[in-house]
Amino acid sequence: MNLSGKAVNYWLKKCKVPIENLLVVLDDIALPFGTLRLKPSGGDAGHNGLINISEVLGNQNYARLRFGIGSDFPKGYQVEHVLGGWDDNEKTLLSGRIEQACEMIKAFGTIGIDLTMSRFNNK
């Protein structure tokens, strides 16, 4: 997923999707596990997938839904944390957070980013 910009660009062009209708969903170690945050644009915060998408598209003006996975890992073990399995506590919470993320994605597509952010962010 670190090189997802090419695929994003391909589908935007093939399906003639305006960039304001693009929503990138990504993991975020800077957010506590299960935190969901929708933003209309912004920086990449060091996320390799966002870096690549921004490079290929030539801008950062696309919405993103960040799904917090937390940063509870020893120094030097970021890759193992990001690609590893869920602990028992995370497994318990995961289903509800995925359902919430799906509701946010549907809302983004139907009522737009501003109303979706008002309805869901910080809840």
Protein backbone atom coordinates (compact mmCIF):
# COMPACT_ATOMS: atom_id res chain seq x y z
CA MET A 1 0.00 0.00 0.00
CA ASN A 2 3.02 2.27 0.21
CA LEU A 3 2.84 2.71 -3.58
CA SER A 4 -0.92 3.19 -3.91
CA GLY A 5 -0.74 6.52 -5.74
CA LYS A 6 -0.59 4.91 -9.18
CA ALA A 7 -3.74 2.85 -8.53
CA VAL A 8 -5.60 5.83 -7.05
CA ASN A 9 -4.70 7.99 -10.03
CA TYR A 10 -5.68 5.25 -12.50
CA TRP A 11 -9.17 4.81 -11.02
CA LEU A 12 -9.78 8.53 -10.66
CA LYS A 13 -9.08 8.96 -14.37
CA LYS A 14 -10.74 5.76 -15.60
CA CYS A 15 -13.99 6.42 -13.72
CA LYS A 16 -13.76 10.22 -14.13
CA VAL A 17 -14.00 10.74 -10.37
CA PRO A 18 -13.36 14.31 -9.26
CA ILE A 19 -10.71 14.52 -6.55
CA GLU A 20 -13.26 16.00 -4.11
CA ASN A 21 -15.02 12.61 -4.22
CA LEU A 22 -11.87 10.69 -3.30
CA LEU A 23 -11.70 9.27 0.22
CA VAL A 24 -8.51 7.51 1.28
CA VAL A 25 -8.86 5.24 4.31
CA LEU A 26 -5.62 4.58 6.18
CA ASP A 27 -4.11 3.31 9.39
CA ASP A 28 -2.54 5.87 11.70
CA ILE A 29 -0.12 5.08 14.51
CA ALA A 30 -0.39 8.68 15.77
CA LEU A 31 -4.00 8.07 16.85
CA PRO A 32 -5.01 5.81 19.74
CA PHE A 33 -6.43 2.47 18.69
CA GLY A 34 -9.96 2.78 17.32
CA THR A 35 -9.93 6.57 16.95
CA LEU A 36 -11.52 7.63 13.66
CA ARG A 37 -10.77 11.04 12.21
CA LEU A 38 -12.06 12.41 8.92
CA LYS A 39 -10.23 15.34 7.31
CA PRO A 40 -10.83 17.12 4.01
CA SER A 41 -7.10 17.40 3.20
CA GLY A 42 -3.78 17.73 4.96
CA GLY A 43 -0.26 16.48 5.22
CA ASP A 44 0.99 12.94 5.02
CA ALA A 45 2.28 12.76 8.62
CA GLY A 46 5.00 10.43 7.38
CA HIS A 47 2.50 7.83 6.11
CA ASN A 48 4.13 6.21 3.08
CA GLY A 49 0.82 5.54 1.31
CA LEU A 50 -0.24 9.18 1.60
CA ILE A 51 3.21 10.36 0.54
CA ASN A 52 2.93 8.32 -2.65
CA ILE A 53 -0.66 9.35 -3.40
CA SER A 54 0.24 13.02 -2.96
CA GLU A 55 3.32 12.67 -5.17
CA VAL A 56 1.36 10.99 -7.97
CA LEU A 57 -1.66 13.33 -7.76
CA GLY A 58 0.53 16.39 -7.32
CA ASN A 59 -1.39 17.68 -4.31
CA GLN A 60 -2.79 16.79 -0.89
CA ASN A 61 -6.31 18.08 -1.52
CA TYR A 62 -8.21 14.85 -0.98
CA ALA A 63 -10.18 13.56 1.97
CA ARG A 64 -8.79 10.94 4.29
CA LEU A 65 -10.28 8.80 7.02
CA ARG A 66 -7.62 7.92 9.55
CA PHE A 67 -8.15 4.76 11.60
CA GLY A 68 -6.02 4.84 14.74
CA ILE A 69 -3.99 1.73 15.44
CA GLY A 70 -2.01 3.20 18.32
CA SER A 71 1.70 3.39 18.94
CA ASP A 72 2.09 0.78 21.66
CA PHE A 73 5.18 -0.93 20.27
CA PRO A 74 8.88 -0.97 21.13
CA LYS A 75 11.24 1.33 19.23
CA GLY A 76 12.20 -0.23 15.92
CA TYR A 77 9.10 -2.45 15.70
CA GLN A 78 6.75 -0.17 13.79
CA VAL A 79 6.49 -2.51 10.78
CA GLU A 80 5.68 -5.48 13.00
CA HIS A 81 3.02 -3.43 14.78
CA VAL A 82 1.40 -2.14 11.60
CA LEU A 83 1.43 -5.51 9.83
CA GLY A 84 0.94 -7.70 12.90
CA GLY A 85 -2.19 -9.16 14.45
CA TRP A 86 -4.61 -7.61 16.92
CA ASP A 87 -4.34 -8.27 20.65
CA ASP A 88 -7.40 -9.58 22.52
CA ASN A 89 -8.54 -6.14 23.68
CA GLU A 90 -8.26 -4.73 20.15
CA LYS A 91 -10.17 -7.70 18.72
CA THR A 92 -13.03 -6.94 21.12
CA LEU A 93 -13.23 -3.30 20.02
CA LEU A 94 -12.44 -3.77 16.34
CA SER A 95 -15.87 -4.81 15.04
CA GLY A 96 -17.60 -1.71 16.41
CA ARG A 97 -14.91 0.60 15.07
CA ILE A 98 -15.11 -0.98 11.61
CA GLU A 99 -18.90 -0.51 11.64
CA GLN A 100 -18.41 3.15 12.59
CA ALA A 101 -15.84 3.62 9.80
CA CYS A 102 -18.28 2.10 7.29
CA GLU A 103 -20.99 4.53 8.42
CA MET A 104 -18.55 7.41 7.96
CA ILE A 105 -17.64 6.23 4.47
CA LYS A 106 -21.33 5.95 3.48
CA ALA A 107 -22.04 9.39 4.92
CA PHE A 108 -19.09 10.90 3.03
CA GLY A 109 -20.58 9.55 -0.20
CA THR A 110 -24.11 10.73 0.51
CA ILE A 111 -24.04 13.91 2.61
CA GLY A 112 -20.51 15.15 1.96
CA ILE A 113 -17.46 15.72 4.07
CA ASP A 114 -18.58 18.73 6.12
CA LEU A 115 -21.75 17.12 7.49
CA THR A 116 -19.93 13.82 7.98
CA MET A 117 -17.18 15.50 10.01
CA SER A 118 -19.80 17.31 12.11
CA ARG A 119 -21.68 14.10 12.73
CA PHE A 120 -18.80 11.74 13.48
CA ASN A 121 -15.50 13.45 14.38
CA ASN A 122 -14.67 13.45 18.10
CA LYS A 123 -17.54 11.13 18.94
